[in-house]
N, C-alpha and C. Protein backbone atom coordinates (compact mmCIF):
# COMPACT_ATOMS: atom_id res chain seq x y z
N MET A 1 0.88 -1.03 -0.20
CA MET A 1 0.02 0.12 0.29
C MET A 1 0.77 1.51 0.19
N ALA A 2 0.90 2.28 -0.71
CA ALA A 2 0.90 3.06 -0.46
C ALA A 2 1.22 4.17 0.63
N SER A 3 2.62 4.96 0.73
CA SER A 3 2.09 5.70 2.22
C SER A 3 1.72 7.34 1.68
N ILE A 4 0.26 8.16 2.42
CA ILE A 4 0.51 9.15 1.91
C ILE A 4 0.77 10.53 2.72
N CYS A 5 1.78 11.24 2.98
CA CYS A 5 2.03 11.97 3.78
C CYS A 5 1.15 14.23 4.24
N THR A 6 0.19 13.99 4.81
CA THR A 6 0.28 15.84 4.34
C THR A 6 0.98 16.46 5.92
N MET A 7 0.19 17.78 6.23
CA MET A 7 1.15 18.35 7.17
C MET A 7 -0.52 19.52 7.33
N ALA A 8 -0.35 19.15 8.02
CA ALA A 8 -1.92 20.82 9.08
C ALA A 8 -1.13 21.68 9.72
N TRP A 9 -2.23 22.72 9.39
CA TRP A 9 -2.19 23.93 9.97
C TRP A 9 -3.57 23.99 11.03
N VAL A 10 -3.23 24.94 12.79
CA VAL A 10 -5.03 24.46 12.91
C VAL A 10 -4.79 25.07 13.84
N TYR A 11 -5.88 26.50 13.61
CA TYR A 11 -6.25 28.10 14.50
C TYR A 11 -7.17 27.89 14.97
N GLY A 12 -6.83 29.36 16.46
CA GLY A 12 -8.20 29.22 16.41
C GLY A 12 -8.05 29.22 18.44
N SER A 13 -8.54 28.62 19.02
CA SER A 13 -8.87 28.00 20.34
C SER A 13 -8.67 26.17 20.01
N VAL A 14 -7.11 26.65 20.40
CA VAL A 14 -6.79 25.07 20.24
C VAL A 14 -5.53 24.77 20.57
N GLN A 15 -4.89 25.72 21.76
CA GLN A 15 -4.58 25.56 22.86
C GLN A 15 -5.01 25.60 24.12
N GLY A 16 -4.83 24.80 24.62
CA GLY A 16 -5.27 24.97 26.33
C GLY A 16 -6.72 23.98 26.61
N VAL A 17 -7.00 22.95 25.54
CA VAL A 17 -8.49 22.14 25.81
C VAL A 17 -8.50 21.46 24.59
N GLY A 18 -7.65 20.41 24.75
CA GLY A 18 -7.65 18.99 24.50
C GLY A 18 -7.00 18.65 23.72
N PHE A 19 -6.55 19.76 22.39
CA PHE A 19 -6.50 19.37 21.07
C PHE A 19 -6.09 18.29 21.09
N ARG A 20 -4.43 18.64 21.15
CA ARG A 20 -3.72 17.41 20.36
C ARG A 20 -3.82 16.02 20.83
N TYR A 21 -4.77 16.10 22.84
CA TYR A 21 -5.10 15.36 23.20
C TYR A 21 -5.81 14.35 21.80
N SER A 22 -6.94 15.48 22.33
CA SER A 22 -7.73 14.48 21.29
C SER A 22 -7.62 14.24 19.42
N THR A 23 -6.72 14.73 19.15
CA THR A 23 -6.04 14.72 17.73
C THR A 23 -5.32 14.03 17.82
N GLN A 24 -4.65 12.88 19.04
CA GLN A 24 -3.66 12.13 19.37
C GLN A 24 -4.57 10.21 19.30
N ARG A 25 -5.46 10.93 20.73
CA ARG A 25 -6.65 8.98 20.21
C ARG A 25 -7.59 9.01 18.87
N GLU A 26 -8.10 10.10 18.38
CA GLU A 26 -8.38 9.10 16.83
C GLU A 26 -7.88 9.46 15.58
N ALA A 27 -6.44 10.14 15.80
CA ALA A 27 -5.28 8.77 15.40
C ALA A 27 -4.90 7.52 15.66
N LEU A 28 -4.98 7.39 16.49
CA LEU A 28 -4.48 5.97 17.54
C LEU A 28 -5.66 5.35 16.94
N GLN A 29 -7.30 5.81 16.70
CA GLN A 29 -8.26 4.13 16.60
C GLN A 29 -7.76 4.73 14.62
N LEU A 30 -7.60 5.78 14.35
CA LEU A 30 -7.59 5.59 12.73
C LEU A 30 -6.59 4.56 11.96
N GLY A 31 -5.69 4.08 13.23
CA GLY A 31 -4.29 3.04 12.46
C GLY A 31 -3.40 4.72 11.91
N LEU A 32 -2.98 5.65 12.46
CA LEU A 32 -1.95 6.78 11.56
C LEU A 32 -1.18 7.19 12.85
N THR A 33 -0.65 7.90 12.44
CA THR A 33 1.12 8.13 12.52
C THR A 33 1.51 9.82 12.46
N GLY A 34 2.13 10.14 12.76
CA GLY A 34 2.12 11.42 12.88
C GLY A 34 2.78 12.48 14.94
N TYR A 35 2.39 13.89 14.46
CA TYR A 35 3.29 13.51 15.40
C TYR A 35 1.54 15.94 15.09
N ALA A 36 1.85 16.17 16.77
CA ALA A 36 1.44 17.82 16.64
C ALA A 36 1.74 18.42 17.70
N ARG A 37 2.41 20.07 17.21
CA ARG A 37 3.15 20.67 18.25
C ARG A 37 1.99 21.80 18.27
N ASN A 38 2.08 23.09 19.54
CA ASN A 38 1.72 23.94 19.87
C ASN A 38 2.66 24.58 19.00
N LEU A 39 2.48 25.47 18.22
CA LEU A 39 3.18 26.74 17.81
C LEU A 39 3.21 27.97 18.13
N ASP A 40 4.12 29.27 18.30
CA ASP A 40 4.54 30.33 19.47
C ASP A 40 3.49 31.65 18.91
N ASP A 41 2.43 31.31 17.65
CA ASP A 41 1.54 32.11 17.41
C ASP A 41 0.32 31.40 17.39
N GLY A 42 0.37 30.04 18.49
CA GLY A 42 -1.29 29.15 19.30
C GLY A 42 -1.27 28.63 18.12
N GLY A 43 -1.27 28.93 16.87
CA GLY A 43 -1.98 27.60 16.28
C GLY A 43 -0.95 25.99 17.12
N VAL A 44 -1.44 24.89 16.57
CA VAL A 44 -1.32 23.62 16.41
C VAL A 44 -0.17 23.00 14.58
N GLU A 45 0.55 22.36 14.59
CA GLU A 45 1.40 21.60 13.50
C GLU A 45 1.44 20.59 14.40
């Protein structure tokens, strides 16, 4: 199976509200791998 790679940036109320945790939980259920990190400008990469 071919691999697909993507990058996304999310802005708005995404820091301090459990966004990365929720994203990680969903990714694990879907069998996805990757990372999420807080950005200095308040977004998440």
